[in-house]
Amino acid sequence: MTADSVQSLVDQLHEEAAMDRPDEATPDVGIVMGSDSDLPTMAGGKGKRPGAYAALAEELGFAEQTDYTDAPDARFTFETFVCSAHRTPDLMYAYAETAEARGVDVIIAGAGGKSADLPNMTASIAYPLPVIGVPVQEKSVDSVIGMPQGAPITAVDAGKSFNAALTAVQILSREHDELRDRLVEYHEGLQEEVGKVSRDLHELGTPGFKAAYWD
């Protein structure tokens, strides 16, 4: 038996899949996670490394779409759901099954624990839509990357949902020059930071650098 709150989401996803929405009005990236306890890894936050949310919203200019029928002004958007493979399999299946019809081009799926099945199952159901798996914990790595031949999934290292988001945008950039330009600009910014730090370390010397940057 499916809980009412879950069934309403399942019905909503199927209704949205039946809509004829233009590409620019639908989410380009879908982010799903097995539990809201995975959100600090998937989104980042206080005391956590930046996550997929930070990469998309803060670095690459995506907007989060929270209403399928009322897209933000931004051309490129993403959406976020909790879909537990074990507790809400119907919701997981509905999301993966309808993602392509709803206009999603890439899915980022994160899950923790030794049985981190959400990325794998999502990839199987959503095929041929590309799915990028994020092991939320080190012990989740083997589960996420352990797909058999013929059932592909791309995966990043444990906890690195930021890189999963960059990979998703790399995939999208093959059809959108604007996204390619954003990725190049982001990478050039990283290079500039390293160059500045290298010059300061050399010119200030180690004690001076430590006093300027660390103290």
C-alpha atoms as a PDB file:
ATOM      1  CA  MET A   1       0.000   0.000   0.000  1.00  0.00           C
ATOM      2  CA  THR A   2       1.311   3.442  -0.946  1.00  0.00           C
ATOM      3  CA  ALA A   3       0.987   6.361   1.475  1.00  0.00           C
ATOM      4  CA  ASP A   4      -1.203   9.236   0.303  1.00  0.00           C
ATOM      5  CA  SER A   5       1.674  11.736   0.304  1.00  0.00           C
ATOM      6  CA  VAL A   6       3.745   9.415  -1.873  1.00  0.00           C
ATOM      7  CA  GLN A   7       0.873   8.561  -4.198  1.00  0.00           C
ATOM      8  CA  SER A   8       0.146  12.240  -4.769  1.00  0.00           C
ATOM      9  CA  LEU A   9       3.751  12.759  -5.898  1.00  0.00           C
ATOM     10  CA  VAL A  10       3.617   9.697  -8.137  1.00  0.00           C
ATOM     11  CA  ASP A  11       0.413  10.988  -9.739  1.00  0.00           C
ATOM     12  CA  GLN A  12       1.917  14.455 -10.118  1.00  0.00           C
ATOM     13  CA  LEU A  13       4.986  13.114 -11.924  1.00  0.00           C
ATOM     14  CA  HIS A  14       2.860  11.166 -14.389  1.00  0.00           C
ATOM     15  CA  GLU A  15       0.608  14.171 -14.980  1.00  0.00           C
ATOM     16  CA  GLU A  16       3.636  16.359 -15.678  1.00  0.00           C
ATOM     17  CA  ALA A  17       5.055  13.747 -18.057  1.00  0.00           C
ATOM     18  CA  ALA A  18       1.878  14.002 -20.099  1.00  0.00           C
ATOM     19  CA  MET A  19       2.220  17.779 -20.466  1.00  0.00           C
ATOM     20  CA  ASP A  20       3.716  19.260 -23.618  1.00  0.00           C
ATOM     21  CA  ARG A  21       6.173  21.712 -22.073  1.00  0.00           C
ATOM     22  CA  PRO A  22       8.980  23.406 -24.059  1.00  0.00           C
ATOM     23  CA  ASP A  23      12.525  22.408 -23.140  1.00  0.00           C
ATOM     24  CA  GLU A  24      13.346  25.828 -21.744  1.00  0.00           C
ATOM     25  CA  ALA A  25      10.484  25.523 -19.248  1.00  0.00           C
ATOM     26  CA  THR A  26      11.449  22.128 -17.824  1.00  0.00           C
ATOM     27  CA  PRO A  27      14.231  21.179 -15.380  1.00  0.00           C
ATOM     28  CA  ASP A  28      17.481  20.299 -17.140  1.00  0.00           C
ATOM     29  CA  VAL A  29      18.945  18.434 -14.170  1.00  0.00           C
ATOM     30  CA  GLY A  30      17.133  16.293 -11.642  1.00  0.00           C
ATOM     31  CA  ILE A  31      18.659  15.747  -8.196  1.00  0.00           C
ATOM     32  CA  VAL A  32      17.312  12.843  -6.155  1.00  0.00           C
ATOM     33  CA  MET A  33      18.484  11.474  -2.832  1.00  0.00           C
ATOM     34  CA  GLY A  34      17.470   8.593  -0.638  1.00  0.00           C
ATOM     35  CA  SER A  35      16.798  10.680   2.466  1.00  0.00           C
ATOM     36  CA  ASP A  36      16.811  14.297   3.539  1.00  0.00           C
ATOM     37  CA  SER A  37      19.752  13.307   5.758  1.00  0.00           C
ATOM     38  CA  ASP A  38      21.719  13.178   2.488  1.00  0.00           C
ATOM     39  CA  LEU A  39      21.001  16.856   1.832  1.00  0.00           C
ATOM     40  CA  PRO A  40      24.168  18.201   3.509  1.00  0.00           C
ATOM     41  CA  THR A  41      26.210  16.124   1.058  1.00  0.00           C
ATOM     42  CA  MET A  42      24.037  16.868  -1.963  1.00  0.00           C
ATOM     43  CA  ALA A  43      23.594  20.576  -1.260  1.00  0.00           C
ATOM     44  CA  GLY A  44      26.523  21.477   0.997  1.00  0.00           C
ATOM     45  CA  GLY A  45      26.180  23.677   4.027  1.00  0.00           C
ATOM     46  CA  LYS A  46      27.781  24.696   7.270  1.00  0.00           C
ATOM     47  CA  GLY A  47      30.818  22.561   7.964  1.00  0.00           C
ATOM     48  CA  LYS A  48      30.350  20.615   4.726  1.00  0.00           C
ATOM     49  CA  ARG A  49      32.143  20.811   1.386  1.00  0.00           C
ATOM     50  CA  PRO A  50      30.106  22.499  -1.365  1.00  0.00           C
ATOM     51  CA  GLY A  51      27.579  20.203  -3.011  1.00  0.00           C
ATOM     52  CA  ALA A  52      25.626  19.886  -6.238  1.00  0.00           C
ATOM     53  CA  TYR A  53      23.379  22.786  -5.256  1.00  0.00           C
ATOM     54  CA  ALA A  54      26.379  25.076  -4.844  1.00  0.00           C
ATOM     55  CA  ALA A  55      27.849  24.035  -8.189  1.00  0.00           C
ATOM     56  CA  LEU A  56      24.620  24.583 -10.089  1.00  0.00           C
ATOM     57  CA  ALA A  57      23.093  27.586  -8.324  1.00  0.00           C
ATOM     58  CA  GLU A  58      26.135  29.493  -7.114  1.00  0.00           C
ATOM     59  CA  GLU A  59      28.823  28.726  -9.683  1.00  0.00           C
ATOM     60  CA  LEU A  60      27.012  27.999 -12.951  1.00  0.00           C
ATOM     61  CA  GLY A  61      23.886  30.161 -12.847  1.00  0.00           C
ATOM     62  CA  PHE A  62      21.182  27.491 -12.664  1.00  0.00           C
ATOM     63  CA  ALA A  63      17.944  28.177 -10.786  1.00  0.00           C
ATOM     64  CA  GLU A  64      16.045  25.647  -8.703  1.00  0.00           C
ATOM     65  CA  GLN A  65      12.648  24.880 -10.232  1.00  0.00           C
ATOM     66  CA  THR A  66      10.065  24.162  -7.535  1.00  0.00           C
ATOM     67  CA  ASP A  67       6.928  24.375  -9.693  1.00  0.00           C
ATOM     68  CA  TYR A  68       6.896  22.352 -12.898  1.00  0.00           C
ATOM     69  CA  THR A  69       4.305  24.600 -14.539  1.00  0.00           C
ATOM     70  CA  ASP A  70       5.954  27.868 -13.476  1.00  0.00           C
ATOM     71  CA  ALA A  71       9.630  27.836 -14.436  1.00  0.00           C
ATOM     72  CA  PRO A  72      12.075  30.457 -13.114  1.00  0.00           C
ATOM     73  CA  ASP A  73      13.335  33.122 -15.480  1.00  0.00           C
ATOM     74  CA  ALA A  74      16.715  31.377 -15.725  1.00  0.00           C
ATOM     75  CA  ARG A  75      17.203  29.345 -18.908  1.00  0.00           C
ATOM     76  CA  PHE A  76      18.829  26.423 -17.100  1.00  0.00           C
ATOM     77  CA  THR A  77      17.212  24.874 -14.045  1.00  0.00           C
ATOM     78  CA  PHE A  78      17.265  21.872 -11.732  1.00  0.00           C
ATOM     79  CA  GLU A  79      14.802  20.191  -9.374  1.00  0.00           C
ATOM     80  CA  THR A  80      15.241  18.234  -6.137  1.00  0.00           C
ATOM     81  CA  PHE A  81      13.344  15.264  -4.686  1.00  0.00           C
ATOM     82  CA  VAL A  82      13.722  12.632  -1.969  1.00  0.00           C
ATOM     83  CA  CYS A  83      13.050   9.164  -3.434  1.00  0.00           C
ATOM     84  CA  SER A  84      14.017   6.280  -1.168  1.00  0.00           C
ATOM     85  CA  ALA A  85      14.698   3.090  -3.104  1.00  0.00           C
ATOM     86  CA  HIS A  86      13.730   0.979  -0.095  1.00  0.00           C
ATOM     87  CA  ARG A  87      10.984   2.956   1.630  1.00  0.00           C
ATOM     88  CA  THR A  88       9.288   4.547  -1.395  1.00  0.00           C
ATOM     89  CA  PRO A  89      10.091   2.326  -4.394  1.00  0.00           C
ATOM     90  CA  ASP A  90       6.943   3.487  -6.200  1.00  0.00           C
ATOM     91  CA  LEU A  91       8.125   7.089  -6.057  1.00  0.00           C
ATOM     92  CA  MET A  92      11.637   6.180  -7.157  1.00  0.00           C
ATOM     93  CA  TYR A  93      10.264   4.208 -10.090  1.00  0.00           C
ATOM     94  CA  ALA A  94       7.848   6.986 -11.087  1.00  0.00           C
ATOM     95  CA  TYR A  95      10.566   9.630 -10.996  1.00  0.00           C
ATOM     96  CA  ALA A  96      13.020   7.610 -13.073  1.00  0.00           C
ATOM     97  CA  GLU A  97      10.330   6.411 -15.481  1.00  0.00           C
ATOM     98  CA  THR A  98       8.956   9.896 -16.183  1.00  0.00           C
ATOM     99  CA  ALA A  99      12.165  11.943 -16.058  1.00  0.00           C
ATOM    100  CA  GLU A 100      12.827  12.014 -19.785  1.00  0.00           C
ATOM    101  CA  ALA A 101       9.198  12.814 -20.666  1.00  0.00           C
ATOM    102  CA  ARG A 102       9.267  15.619 -18.097  1.00  0.00           C
ATOM    103  CA  GLY A 103      12.236  17.172 -19.915  1.00  0.00           C
ATOM    104  CA  VAL A 104      15.021  16.202 -17.513  1.00  0.00           C
ATOM    105  CA  ASP A 105      18.283  15.622 -19.415  1.00  0.00           C
ATOM    106  CA  VAL A 106      20.567  14.354 -16.642  1.00  0.00           C
ATOM    107  CA  ILE A 107      19.884  12.897 -13.193  1.00  0.00           C
ATOM    108  CA  ILE A 108      22.174  13.163 -10.176  1.00  0.00           C
ATOM    109  CA  ALA A 109      21.294  10.478  -7.633  1.00  0.00           C
ATOM    110  CA  GLY A 110      22.793  10.267  -4.161  1.00  0.00           C
ATOM    111  CA  ALA A 111      22.380   7.632  -1.480  1.00  0.00           C
ATOM    112  CA  GLY A 112      24.215   6.436   1.613  1.00  0.00           C
ATOM    113  CA  GLY A 113      24.698   3.238   3.553  1.00  0.00           C
ATOM    114  CA  LYS A 114      25.942  -0.129   2.349  1.00  0.00           C
ATOM    115  CA  SER A 115      22.765  -0.623   0.316  1.00  0.00           C
ATOM    116  CA  ALA A 116      22.872   2.616  -1.658  1.00  0.00           C
ATOM    117  CA  ASP A 117      20.540   1.362  -4.367  1.00  0.00           C
ATOM    118  CA  LEU A 118      18.885   4.606  -5.487  1.00  0.00           C
ATOM    119  CA  PRO A 119      21.530   5.624  -8.082  1.00  0.00           C
ATOM    120  CA  ASN A 120      21.693   2.119  -9.569  1.00  0.00           C
ATOM    121  CA  MET A 121      17.956   1.562  -9.747  1.00  0.00           C
ATOM    122  CA  THR A 122      17.355   5.052 -11.093  1.00  0.00           C
ATOM    123  CA  ALA A 123      19.936   4.451 -13.827  1.00  0.00           C
ATOM    124  CA  SER A 124      18.303   1.157 -14.772  1.00  0.00           C
ATOM    125  CA  ILE A 125      14.791   2.571 -14.955  1.00  0.00           C
ATOM    126  CA  ALA A 126      15.663   5.919 -16.573  1.00  0.00           C
ATOM    127  CA  TYR A 127      17.926   4.358 -19.254  1.00  0.00           C
ATOM    128  CA  PRO A 128      19.053   5.720 -21.691  1.00  0.00           C
ATOM    129  CA  LEU A 129      18.963   8.991 -19.706  1.00  0.00           C
ATOM    130  CA  PRO A 130      22.405   9.527 -18.135  1.00  0.00           C
ATOM    131  CA  VAL A 131      22.554   9.139 -14.357  1.00  0.00           C
ATOM    132  CA  ILE A 132      25.454  10.289 -12.178  1.00  0.00           C
ATOM    133  CA  GLY A 133      25.690   8.446  -8.878  1.00  0.00           C
ATOM    134  CA  VAL A 134      26.917  10.054  -5.675  1.00  0.00           C
ATOM    135  CA  PRO A 135      27.935   7.699  -2.843  1.00  0.00           C
ATOM    136  CA  VAL A 136      27.059   9.782   0.211  1.00  0.00           C
ATOM    137  CA  GLN A 137      29.466   7.772   2.382  1.00  0.00           C
ATOM    138  CA  GLU A 138      32.646   5.777   1.731  1.00  0.00           C
ATOM    139  CA  LYS A 139      30.787   2.557   2.490  1.00  0.00           C
ATOM    140  CA  SER A 140      28.345   3.396  -0.321  1.00  0.00           C
ATOM    141  CA  VAL A 141      30.965   3.404  -3.090  1.00  0.00           C
ATOM    142  CA  ASP A 142      30.906  -0.300  -3.935  1.00  0.00           C
ATOM    143  CA  SER A 143      27.114  -0.321  -4.098  1.00  0.00           C
ATOM    144  CA  VAL A 144      26.931   2.681  -6.415  1.00  0.00           C
ATOM    145  CA  ILE A 145      29.644   1.605  -8.841  1.00  0.00           C
ATOM    146  CA  GLY A 146      28.766  -2.094  -8.846  1.00  0.00           C
ATOM    147  CA  MET A 147      26.551  -2.107 -11.925  1.00  0.00           C
ATOM    148  CA  PRO A 148      26.731  -5.082 -14.301  1.00  0.00           C
ATOM    149  CA  GLN A 149      27.810  -4.829 -17.937  1.00  0.00           C
ATOM    150  CA  GLY A 150      25.085  -3.272 -20.050  1.00  0.00           C
ATOM    151  CA  ALA A 151      23.661  -1.252 -17.152  1.00  0.00           C
ATOM    152  CA  PRO A 152      25.821   1.890 -17.134  1.00  0.00           C
ATOM    153  CA  ILE A 153      26.104   4.563 -14.486  1.00  0.00           C
ATOM    154  CA  THR A 154      28.613   7.369 -14.092  1.00  0.00           C
ATOM    155  CA  ALA A 155      29.770   7.849 -10.507  1.00  0.00           C
ATOM    156  CA  VAL A 156      31.898  10.282  -8.517  1.00  0.00           C
ATOM    157  CA  ASP A 157      33.879   9.719  -5.353  1.00  0.00           C
ATOM    158  CA  ALA A 158      32.140   9.578  -1.998  1.00  0.00           C
ATOM    159  CA  GLY A 159      30.499  12.838  -1.006  1.00  0.00           C
ATOM    160  CA  LYS A 160      31.544  14.766  -4.115  1.00  0.00           C
ATOM    161  CA  SER A 161      28.164  15.827  -5.436  1.00  0.00           C
ATOM    162  CA  PHE A 162      29.762  19.114  -6.550  1.00  0.00           C
ATOM    163  CA  ASN A 163      31.713  17.137  -9.155  1.00  0.00           C
ATOM    164  CA  ALA A 164      28.557  15.260 -10.116  1.00  0.00           C
ATOM    165  CA  ALA A 165      26.917  18.581 -10.917  1.00  0.00           C
ATOM    166  CA  LEU A 166      29.905  19.696 -12.994  1.00  0.00           C
ATOM    167  CA  THR A 167      29.721  16.426 -14.904  1.00  0.00           C
ATOM    168  CA  ALA A 168      26.003  16.914 -15.516  1.00  0.00           C
ATOM    169  CA  VAL A 169      26.642  20.365 -16.951  1.00  0.00           C
ATOM    170  CA  GLN A 170      29.492  19.013 -19.077  1.00  0.00           C
ATOM    171  CA  ILE A 171      26.982  16.624 -20.638  1.00  0.00           C
ATOM    172  CA  LEU A 172      24.507  19.440 -21.239  1.00  0.00           C
ATOM    173  CA  SER A 173      27.212  21.719 -22.636  1.00  0.00           C
ATOM    174  CA  ARG A 174      27.596  19.514 -25.692  1.00  0.00           C
ATOM    175  CA  GLU A 175      24.295  20.989 -26.898  1.00  0.00           C
ATOM    176  CA  HIS A 176      24.469  24.393 -25.204  1.00  0.00           C
ATOM    177  CA  ASP A 177      27.446  26.639 -25.957  1.00  0.00           C
ATOM    178  CA  GLU A 178      26.383  28.977 -23.164  1.00  0.00           C
ATOM    179  CA  LEU A 179      26.963  26.245 -20.606  1.00  0.00           C
ATOM    180  CA  ARG A 180      30.331  25.431 -22.126  1.00  0.00           C
ATOM    181  CA  ASP A 181      31.315  29.069 -21.686  1.00  0.00           C
ATOM    182  CA  ARG A 182      30.182  28.992 -18.041  1.00  0.00           C
ATOM    183  CA  LEU A 183      32.238  25.878 -17.380  1.00  0.00           C
ATOM    184  CA  VAL A 184      35.316  27.417 -18.980  1.00  0.00           C
ATOM    185  CA  GLU A 185      34.851  30.616 -16.958  1.00  0.00           C
ATOM    186  CA  TYR A 186      34.532  28.597 -13.746  1.00  0.00           C
ATOM    187  CA  HIS A 187      37.699  26.637 -14.523  1.00  0.00           C
ATOM    188  CA  GLU A 188      39.630  29.773 -15.386  1.00  0.00           C
ATOM    189  CA  GLY A 189      38.581  31.173 -12.013  1.00  0.00           C
ATOM    190  CA  LEU A 190      40.090  28.143 -10.287  1.00  0.00           C
ATOM    191  CA  GLN A 191      43.319  28.618 -12.228  1.00  0.00           C
ATOM    192  CA  GLU A 192      43.439  32.286 -11.270  1.00  0.00           C
ATOM    193  CA  GLU A 193      43.060  31.411  -7.582  1.00  0.00           C
ATOM    194  CA  VAL A 194      45.907  28.896  -7.736  1.00  0.00           C
ATOM    195  CA  GLY A 195      48.133  31.361  -9.574  1.00  0.00           C
ATOM    196  CA  LYS A 196      47.509  34.061  -6.965  1.00  0.00           C
ATOM    197  CA  VAL A 197      48.177  31.721  -4.058  1.00  0.00           C
ATOM    198  CA  SER A 198      51.360  30.449  -5.713  1.00  0.00           C
ATOM    199  CA  ARG A 199      52.687  33.982  -6.260  1.00  0.00           C
ATOM    200  CA  ASP A 200      51.801  35.071  -2.713  1.00  0.00           C
ATOM    201  CA  LEU A 201      53.484  32.004  -1.201  1.00  0.00           C
ATOM    202  CA  HIS A 202      56.628  32.606  -3.237  1.00  0.00           C
ATOM    203  CA  GLU A 203      56.828  36.357  -2.620  1.00  0.00           C
ATOM    204  CA  LEU A 204      55.704  36.421   1.022  1.00  0.00           C
ATOM    205  CA  GLY A 205      57.618  33.325   2.029  1.00  0.00           C
ATOM    206  CA  THR A 206      56.121  30.591   4.163  1.00  0.00           C
ATOM    207  CA  PRO A 207      55.921  32.568   7.468  1.00  0.00           C
ATOM    208  CA  GLY A 208      54.452  35.611   5.738  1.00  0.00           C
ATOM    209  CA  PHE A 209      51.986  33.497   3.777  1.00  0.00           C
ATOM    210  CA  LYS A 210      50.836  31.699   6.933  1.00  0.00           C
ATOM    211  CA  ALA A 211      50.329  35.036   8.682  1.00  0.00           C
ATOM    212  CA  ALA A 212      48.344  36.444   5.732  1.00  0.00           C
ATOM    213  CA  TYR A 213      46.199  33.427   4.947  1.00  0.00           C
ATOM    214  CA  TRP A 214      45.989  31.264   8.060  1.00  0.00           C
ATOM    215  CA  ASP A 215      46.291  33.505  11.134  1.00  0.00           C
END
